[in-house]
Amino acid sequence: MVAIPPVTGELALRQGQEVTTLSGVLRNKALERGDIRKLFADTDLFGNVTGGSYVLREKFIKDNASARMQKEKFILLWH
């Protein structure tokens, strides 16, 4: 297994790497281009739980009370 930056995941996949993980716009664009498919998402395995933690200062929370956090779904793609 070779660790690569997410931004090069799609290219590595198309050049012969067997699997990669992508999320957000990188995932969406890769799937739009076709010839790859989703194997599974973290939520498929673990349900609607967070895979990590967010640590925010109380001042940030107070100053940004109207802000909304959006959870990214990470998926494994196969070529």
PDB file of N, CA and C in Angstrom:
ATOM      1  N   MET A   1       0.846  -1.167   0.000  1.00  0.00           N
ATOM      2  CA  MET A   1       0.000   0.000   0.000  1.00  0.00           C
ATOM      3  C   MET A   1       0.897   1.236   0.000  1.00  0.00           C
ATOM      4  N   VAL A   2       0.545   2.193  -0.835  1.00  0.00           N
ATOM      5  CA  VAL A   2       1.292   3.439  -0.943  1.00  0.00           C
ATOM      6  C   VAL A   2       0.367   4.596  -0.596  1.00  0.00           C
ATOM      7  N   ALA A   3       0.777   5.420   0.338  1.00  0.00           N
ATOM      8  CA  ALA A   3      -0.009   6.599   0.701  1.00  0.00           C
ATOM      9  C   ALA A   3       0.232   7.693  -0.329  1.00  0.00           C
ATOM     10  N   ILE A   4      -0.848   8.270  -0.828  1.00  0.00           N
ATOM     11  CA  ILE A   4      -0.762   9.357  -1.800  1.00  0.00           C
ATOM     12  C   ILE A   4      -1.683  10.487  -1.370  1.00  0.00           C
ATOM     13  N   PRO A   5      -1.398  11.711  -1.791  1.00  0.00           N
ATOM     14  CA  PRO A   5      -2.296  12.815  -1.462  1.00  0.00           C
ATOM     15  C   PRO A   5      -3.655  12.614  -2.138  1.00  0.00           C
ATOM     16  N   PRO A   6      -4.744  12.988  -1.485  1.00  0.00           N
ATOM     17  CA  PRO A   6      -6.071  12.812  -2.074  1.00  0.00           C
ATOM     18  C   PRO A   6      -6.220  13.433  -3.454  1.00  0.00           C
ATOM     19  N   VAL A   7      -5.554  14.544  -3.700  1.00  0.00           N
ATOM     20  CA  VAL A   7      -5.714  15.228  -4.980  1.00  0.00           C
ATOM     21  C   VAL A   7      -5.193  14.378  -6.146  1.00  0.00           C
ATOM     22  N   THR A   8      -4.297  13.417  -5.896  1.00  0.00           N
ATOM     23  CA  THR A   8      -3.788  12.565  -6.970  1.00  0.00           C
ATOM     24  C   THR A   8      -4.418  11.172  -6.963  1.00  0.00           C
ATOM     25  N   GLY A   9      -5.391  10.950  -6.100  1.00  0.00           N
ATOM     26  CA  GLY A   9      -6.028   9.642  -5.981  1.00  0.00           C
ATOM     27  C   GLY A   9      -6.684   9.160  -7.258  1.00  0.00           C
ATOM     28  N   GLU A  10      -7.435  10.024  -7.913  1.00  0.00           N
ATOM     29  CA  GLU A  10      -8.108   9.608  -9.144  1.00  0.00           C
ATOM     30  C   GLU A  10      -7.100   9.240 -10.222  1.00  0.00           C
ATOM     31  N   LEU A  11      -6.073  10.048 -10.393  1.00  0.00           N
ATOM     32  CA  LEU A  11      -5.054   9.773 -11.411  1.00  0.00           C
ATOM     33  C   LEU A  11      -4.358   8.447 -11.127  1.00  0.00           C
ATOM     34  N   ALA A  12      -3.981   8.215  -9.889  1.00  0.00           N
ATOM     35  CA  ALA A  12      -3.328   6.957  -9.522  1.00  0.00           C
ATOM     36  C   ALA A  12      -4.244   5.770  -9.812  1.00  0.00           C
ATOM     37  N   LEU A  13      -5.507   5.915  -9.525  1.00  0.00           N
ATOM     38  CA  LEU A  13      -6.481   4.865  -9.781  1.00  0.00           C
ATOM     39  C   LEU A  13      -6.559   4.557 -11.272  1.00  0.00           C
ATOM     40  N   ARG A  14      -6.619   5.587 -12.071  1.00  0.00           N
ATOM     41  CA  ARG A  14      -6.727   5.407 -13.524  1.00  0.00           C
ATOM     42  C   ARG A  14      -5.430   4.892 -14.145  1.00  0.00           C
ATOM     43  N   GLN A  15      -4.316   5.038 -13.427  1.00  0.00           N
ATOM     44  CA  GLN A  15      -3.029   4.551 -13.928  1.00  0.00           C
ATOM     45  C   GLN A  15      -2.673   3.172 -13.384  1.00  0.00           C
ATOM     46  N   GLY A  16      -3.621   2.532 -12.707  1.00  0.00           N
ATOM     47  CA  GLY A  16      -3.395   1.153 -12.309  1.00  0.00           C
ATOM     48  C   GLY A  16      -3.415   0.859 -10.818  1.00  0.00           C
ATOM     49  N   GLN A  17      -3.389   1.866  -9.965  1.00  0.00           N
ATOM     50  CA  GLN A  17      -3.543   1.583  -8.540  1.00  0.00           C
ATOM     51  C   GLN A  17      -4.911   0.958  -8.341  1.00  0.00           C
ATOM     52  N   GLU A  18      -4.999  -0.027  -7.469  1.00  0.00           N
ATOM     53  CA  GLU A  18      -6.240  -0.791  -7.348  1.00  0.00           C
ATOM     54  C   GLU A  18      -7.353  -0.070  -6.610  1.00  0.00           C
ATOM     55  N   VAL A  19      -7.041   0.675  -5.566  1.00  0.00           N
ATOM     56  CA  VAL A  19      -8.068   1.376  -4.794  1.00  0.00           C
ATOM     57  C   VAL A  19      -7.548   2.727  -4.350  1.00  0.00           C
ATOM     58  N   THR A  20      -8.479   3.611  -4.003  1.00  0.00           N
ATOM     59  CA  THR A  20      -8.155   4.903  -3.413  1.00  0.00           C
ATOM     60  C   THR A  20      -9.346   5.359  -2.590  1.00  0.00           C
ATOM     61  N   THR A  21      -9.140   6.361  -1.776  1.00  0.00           N
ATOM     62  CA  THR A  21     -10.245   6.988  -1.062  1.00  0.00           C
ATOM     63  C   THR A  21     -10.350   8.429  -1.530  1.00  0.00           C
ATOM     64  N   LEU A  22     -11.555   8.864  -1.736  1.00  0.00           N
ATOM     65  CA  LEU A  22     -11.814  10.242  -2.156  1.00  0.00           C
ATOM     66  C   LEU A  22     -13.042  10.745  -1.420  1.00  0.00           C
ATOM     67  N   SER A  23     -13.133  12.053  -1.271  1.00  0.00           N
ATOM     68  CA  SER A  23     -14.315  12.645  -0.666  1.00  0.00           C
ATOM     69  C   SER A  23     -14.601  13.984  -1.322  1.00  0.00           C
ATOM     70  N   GLY A  24     -15.779  14.501  -1.040  1.00  0.00           N
ATOM     71  CA  GLY A  24     -16.147  15.833  -1.512  1.00  0.00           C
ATOM     72  C   GLY A  24     -16.083  15.984  -3.018  1.00  0.00           C
ATOM     73  N   VAL A  25     -15.568  17.121  -3.460  1.00  0.00           N
ATOM     74  CA  VAL A  25     -15.540  17.437  -4.880  1.00  0.00           C
ATOM     75  C   VAL A  25     -14.638  16.470  -5.648  1.00  0.00           C
ATOM     76  N   LEU A  26     -13.555  15.985  -5.038  1.00  0.00           N
ATOM     77  CA  LEU A  26     -12.683  15.028  -5.719  1.00  0.00           C
ATOM     78  C   LEU A  26     -13.439  13.741  -6.033  1.00  0.00           C
ATOM     79  N   ARG A  27     -14.234  13.262  -5.096  1.00  0.00           N
ATOM     80  CA  ARG A  27     -15.051  12.067  -5.304  1.00  0.00           C
ATOM     81  C   ARG A  27     -16.100  12.315  -6.380  1.00  0.00           C
ATOM     82  N   ASN A  28     -16.801  13.431  -6.261  1.00  0.00           N
ATOM     83  CA  ASN A  28     -17.886  13.727  -7.190  1.00  0.00           C
ATOM     84  C   ASN A  28     -17.385  13.825  -8.626  1.00  0.00           C
ATOM     85  N   LYS A  29     -16.283  14.524  -8.838  1.00  0.00           N
ATOM     86  CA  LYS A  29     -15.746  14.683 -10.192  1.00  0.00           C
ATOM     87  C   LYS A  29     -15.243  13.355 -10.748  1.00  0.00           C
ATOM     88  N   ALA A  30     -14.585  12.560  -9.919  1.00  0.00           N
ATOM     89  CA  ALA A  30     -14.084  11.263 -10.369  1.00  0.00           C
ATOM     90  C   ALA A  30     -15.234  10.363 -10.812  1.00  0.00           C
ATOM     91  N   LEU A  31     -16.305  10.329 -10.044  1.00  0.00           N
ATOM     92  CA  LEU A  31     -17.457   9.511 -10.414  1.00  0.00           C
ATOM     93  C   LEU A  31     -18.142  10.044 -11.662  1.00  0.00           C
ATOM     94  N   GLU A  32     -18.195  11.365 -11.828  1.00  0.00           N
ATOM     95  CA  GLU A  32     -18.784  11.964 -13.033  1.00  0.00           C
ATOM     96  C   GLU A  32     -18.026  11.552 -14.284  1.00  0.00           C
ATOM     97  N   ARG A  33     -16.702  11.432 -14.199  1.00  0.00           N
ATOM     98  CA  ARG A  33     -15.883  11.080 -15.362  1.00  0.00           C
ATOM     99  C   ARG A  33     -16.094   9.625 -15.780  1.00  0.00           C
ATOM    100  N   GLY A  34     -16.624   8.814 -14.887  1.00  0.00           N
ATOM    101  CA  GLY A  34     -16.969   7.434 -15.221  1.00  0.00           C
ATOM    102  C   GLY A  34     -15.796   6.466 -15.159  1.00  0.00           C
ATOM    103  N   ASP A  35     -16.099   5.194 -15.425  1.00  0.00           N
ATOM    104  CA  ASP A  35     -15.157   4.088 -15.475  1.00  0.00           C
ATOM    105  C   ASP A  35     -14.573   3.740 -14.109  1.00  0.00           C
ATOM    106  N   ILE A  36     -15.133   4.252 -13.038  1.00  0.00           N
ATOM    107  CA  ILE A  36     -14.801   3.832 -11.689  1.00  0.00           C
ATOM    108  C   ILE A  36     -16.101   3.716 -10.914  1.00  0.00           C
ATOM    109  N   ARG A  37     -16.078   2.960  -9.837  1.00  0.00           N
ATOM    110  CA  ARG A  37     -17.296   2.772  -9.062  1.00  0.00           C
ATOM    111  C   ARG A  37     -16.995   2.775  -7.576  1.00  0.00           C
ATOM    112  N   LYS A  38     -18.005   3.085  -6.817  1.00  0.00           N
ATOM    113  CA  LYS A  38     -17.924   3.085  -5.355  1.00  0.00           C
ATOM    114  C   LYS A  38     -17.962   1.642  -4.867  1.00  0.00           C
ATOM    115  N   LEU A  39     -17.026   1.296  -3.999  1.00  0.00           N
ATOM    116  CA  LEU A  39     -17.082  -0.007  -3.329  1.00  0.00           C
ATOM    117  C   LEU A  39     -17.901   0.087  -2.057  1.00  0.00           C
ATOM    118  N   PHE A  40     -17.576   1.074  -1.222  1.00  0.00           N
ATOM    119  CA  PHE A  40     -18.340   1.311  -0.002  1.00  0.00           C
ATOM    120  C   PHE A  40     -17.978   2.674   0.558  1.00  0.00           C
ATOM    121  N   ALA A  41     -18.828   3.153   1.418  1.00  0.00           N
ATOM    122  CA  ALA A  41     -18.587   4.394   2.149  1.00  0.00           C
ATOM    123  C   ALA A  41     -18.479   4.058   3.630  1.00  0.00           C
ATOM    124  N   ASP A  42     -17.839   4.922   4.386  1.00  0.00           N
ATOM    125  CA  ASP A  42     -17.732   4.679   5.821  1.00  0.00           C
ATOM    126  C   ASP A  42     -19.104   4.537   6.465  1.00  0.00           C
ATOM    127  N   THR A  43     -20.061   5.295   5.982  1.00  0.00           N
ATOM    128  CA  THR A  43     -21.409   5.212   6.555  1.00  0.00           C
ATOM    129  C   THR A  43     -22.095   3.895   6.203  1.00  0.00           C
ATOM    130  N   ASP A  44     -21.688   3.247   5.092  1.00  0.00           N
ATOM    131  CA  ASP A  44     -22.219   1.925   4.768  1.00  0.00           C
ATOM    132  C   ASP A  44     -21.796   0.909   5.827  1.00  0.00           C
ATOM    133  N   LEU A  45     -20.596   1.078   6.358  1.00  0.00           N
ATOM    134  CA  LEU A  45     -20.046   0.129   7.328  1.00  0.00           C
ATOM    135  C   LEU A  45     -20.423   0.446   8.764  1.00  0.00           C
ATOM    136  N   PHE A  46     -20.378   1.732   9.105  1.00  0.00           N
ATOM    137  CA  PHE A  46     -20.500   2.117  10.504  1.00  0.00           C
ATOM    138  C   PHE A  46     -21.760   2.911  10.828  1.00  0.00           C
ATOM    139  N   GLY A  47     -22.600   3.173   9.835  1.00  0.00           N
ATOM    140  CA  GLY A  47     -23.779   3.988  10.073  1.00  0.00           C
ATOM    141  C   GLY A  47     -23.433   5.464  10.076  1.00  0.00           C
ATOM    142  N   ASN A  48     -24.347   6.252  10.533  1.00  0.00           N
ATOM    143  CA  ASN A  48     -24.194   7.706  10.480  1.00  0.00           C
ATOM    144  C   ASN A  48     -23.443   8.211  11.718  1.00  0.00           C
ATOM    145  N   VAL A  49     -22.178   7.824  11.819  1.00  0.00           N
ATOM    146  CA  VAL A  49     -21.333   8.274  12.928  1.00  0.00           C
ATOM    147  C   VAL A  49     -20.125   9.003  12.366  1.00  0.00           C
ATOM    148  N   THR A  50     -19.548   9.850  13.159  1.00  0.00           N
ATOM    149  CA  THR A  50     -18.369  10.573  12.715  1.00  0.00           C
ATOM    150  C   THR A  50     -17.130   9.701  12.874  1.00  0.00           C
ATOM    151  N   GLY A  51     -16.207   9.804  11.924  1.00  0.00           N
ATOM    152  CA  GLY A  51     -14.970   9.049  11.992  1.00  0.00           C
ATOM    153  C   GLY A  51     -13.867   9.825  12.671  1.00  0.00           C
ATOM    154  N   GLY A  52     -14.134  11.031  13.079  1.00  0.00           N
ATOM    155  CA  GLY A  52     -13.115  11.855  13.707  1.00  0.00           C
ATOM    156  C   GLY A  52     -13.764  12.852  14.643  1.00  0.00           C
ATOM    157  N   SER A  53     -12.958  13.726  15.151  1.00  0.00           N
ATOM    158  CA  SER A  53     -13.449  14.715  16.100  1.00  0.00           C
ATOM    159  C   SER A  53     -13.165  16.117  15.612  1.00  0.00           C
ATOM    160  N   TYR A  54     -13.988  17.027  16.028  1.00  0.00           N
ATOM    161  CA  TYR A  54     -13.765  18.443  15.780  1.00  0.00           C
ATOM    162  C   TYR A  54     -13.561  19.106  17.132  1.00  0.00           C
ATOM    163  N   VAL A  55     -12.518  19.908  17.230  1.00  0.00           N
ATOM    164  CA  VAL A  55     -12.254  20.635  18.467  1.00  0.00           C
ATOM    165  C   VAL A  55     -12.343  22.118  18.151  1.00  0.00           C
ATOM    166  N   LEU A  56     -13.273  22.808  18.810  1.00  0.00           N
ATOM    167  CA  LEU A  56     -13.492  24.230  18.580  1.00  0.00           C
ATOM    168  C   LEU A  56     -13.406  24.976  19.900  1.00  0.00           C
ATOM    169  N   ARG A  57     -12.825  26.141  19.853  1.00  0.00           N
ATOM    170  CA  ARG A  57     -12.781  26.980  21.057  1.00  0.00           C
ATOM    171  C   ARG A  57     -14.172  27.547  21.327  1.00  0.00           C
ATOM    172  N   GLU A  58     -14.480  27.758  22.583  1.00  0.00           N
ATOM    173  CA  GLU A  58     -15.781  28.310  22.957  1.00  0.00           C
ATOM    174  C   GLU A  58     -16.017  29.657  22.287  1.00  0.00           C
ATOM    175  N   LYS A  59     -14.978  30.475  22.165  1.00  0.00           N
ATOM    176  CA  LYS A  59     -15.111  31.773  21.510  1.00  0.00           C
ATOM    177  C   LYS A  59     -15.512  31.602  20.046  1.00  0.00           C
ATOM    178  N   PHE A  60     -14.914  30.635  19.351  1.00  0.00           N
ATOM    179  CA  PHE A  60     -15.270  30.380  17.959  1.00  0.00           C
ATOM    180  C   PHE A  60     -16.740  29.985  17.845  1.00  0.00           C
ATOM    181  N   ILE A  61     -17.174  29.089  18.712  1.00  0.00           N
ATOM    182  CA  ILE A  61     -18.571  28.640  18.685  1.00  0.00           C
ATOM    183  C   ILE A  61     -19.505  29.824  18.922  1.00  0.00           C
ATOM    184  N   LYS A  62     -19.169  30.652  19.898  1.00  0.00           N
ATOM    185  CA  LYS A  62     -19.997  31.819  20.205  1.00  0.00           C
ATOM    186  C   LYS A  62     -20.017  32.803  19.030  1.00  0.00           C
ATOM    187  N   ASP A  63     -18.843  33.072  18.448  1.00  0.00           N
ATOM    188  CA  ASP A  63     -18.740  34.035  17.352  1.00  0.00           C
ATOM    189  C   ASP A  63     -19.341  33.528  16.045  1.00  0.00           C
ATOM    190  N   ASN A  64     -19.529  32.224  15.926  1.00  0.00           N
ATOM    191  CA  ASN A  64     -20.018  31.627  14.683  1.00  0.00           C
ATOM    192  C   ASN A  64     -21.234  30.749  14.934  1.00  0.00           C
ATOM    193  N   ALA A  65     -22.120  31.219  15.779  1.00  0.00           N
ATOM    194  CA  ALA A  65     -23.276  30.414  16.192  1.00  0.00           C
ATOM    195  C   ALA A  65     -24.156  29.998  15.014  1.00  0.00           C
ATOM    196  N   SER A  66     -24.184  30.781  13.960  1.00  0.00           N
ATOM    197  CA  SER A  66     -25.057  30.448  12.835  1.00  0.00           C
ATOM    198  C   SER A  66     -24.372  29.534  11.809  1.00  0.00           C
ATOM    199  N   ALA A  67     -23.094  29.264  12.003  1.00  0.00           N
ATOM    200  CA  ALA A  67     -22.365  28.397  11.066  1.00  0.00           C
ATOM    201  C   ALA A  67     -22.833  26.954  11.225  1.00  0.00           C
ATOM    202  N   ARG A  68     -22.810  26.223  10.133  1.00  0.00           N
ATOM    203  CA  ARG A  68     -23.193  24.814  10.158  1.00  0.00           C
ATOM    204  C   ARG A  68     -22.005  23.974   9.738  1.00  0.00           C
ATOM    205  N   MET A  69     -21.784  22.862  10.425  1.00  0.00           N
ATOM    206  CA  MET A  69     -20.721  21.926  10.061  1.00  0.00           C
ATOM    207  C   MET A  69     -21.317  20.901   9.104  1.00  0.00           C
ATOM    208  N   GLN A  70     -20.589  20.561   8.058  1.00  0.00           N
ATOM    209  CA  GLN A  70     -21.048  19.558   7.105  1.00  0.00           C
ATOM    210  C   GLN A  70     -20.101  18.371   7.156  1.00  0.00           C
ATOM    211  N   LYS A  71     -20.635  17.202   7.431  1.00  0.00           N
ATOM    212  CA  LYS A  71     -19.835  15.989   7.505  1.00  0.00           C
ATOM    213  C   LYS A  71     -19.592  15.476   6.092  1.00  0.00           C
ATOM    214  N   GLU A  72     -18.334  15.189   5.772  1.00  0.00           N
ATOM    215  CA  GLU A  72     -17.982  14.608   4.479  1.00  0.00           C
ATOM    216  C   GLU A  72     -18.146  13.092   4.543  1.00  0.00           C
ATOM    217  N   LYS A  73     -18.582  12.508   3.455  1.00  0.00           N
ATOM    218  CA  LYS A  73     -18.610  11.061   3.351  1.00  0.00           C
ATOM    219  C   LYS A  73     -17.367  10.639   2.585  1.00  0.00           C
ATOM    220  N   PHE A  74     -16.618   9.716   3.151  1.00  0.00           N
ATOM    221  CA  PHE A  74     -15.450   9.174   2.482  1.00  0.00           C
ATOM    222  C   PHE A  74     -15.844   7.852   1.857  1.00  0.00           C
ATOM    223  N   ILE A  75     -15.474   7.652   0.615  1.00  0.00           N
ATOM    224  CA  ILE A  75     -15.821   6.406  -0.042  1.00  0.00           C
ATOM    225  C   ILE A  75     -14.580   5.791  -0.672  1.00  0.00           C
ATOM    226  N   LEU A  76     -14.604   4.497  -0.846  1.00  0.00           N
ATOM    227  CA  LEU A  76     -13.543   3.790  -1.516  1.00  0.00           C
ATOM    228  C   LEU A  76     -13.973   3.564  -2.952  1.00  0.00           C
ATOM    229  N   LEU A  77     -13.113   3.914  -3.888  1.00  0.00           N
ATOM    230  CA  LEU A  77     -13.438   3.781  -5.308  1.00  0.00           C
ATOM    231  C   LEU A  77     -12.609   2.673  -5.931  1.00  0.00           C
ATOM    232  N   TRP A  78     -13.167   2.018  -6.933  1.00  0.00           N
ATOM    233  CA  TRP A  78     -12.518   0.902  -7.614  1.00  0.00           C
ATOM    234  C   TRP A  78     -12.545   1.154  -9.108  1.00  0.00           C
ATOM    235  N   HIS A  79     -11.445   0.864  -9.768  1.00  0.00           N
ATOM    236  CA  HIS A  79     -11.351   1.042 -11.229  1.00  0.00           C
ATOM    237  C   HIS A  79     -11.387  -0.309 -11.897  1.00  0.00           C
TER     238      HIS A  79
END
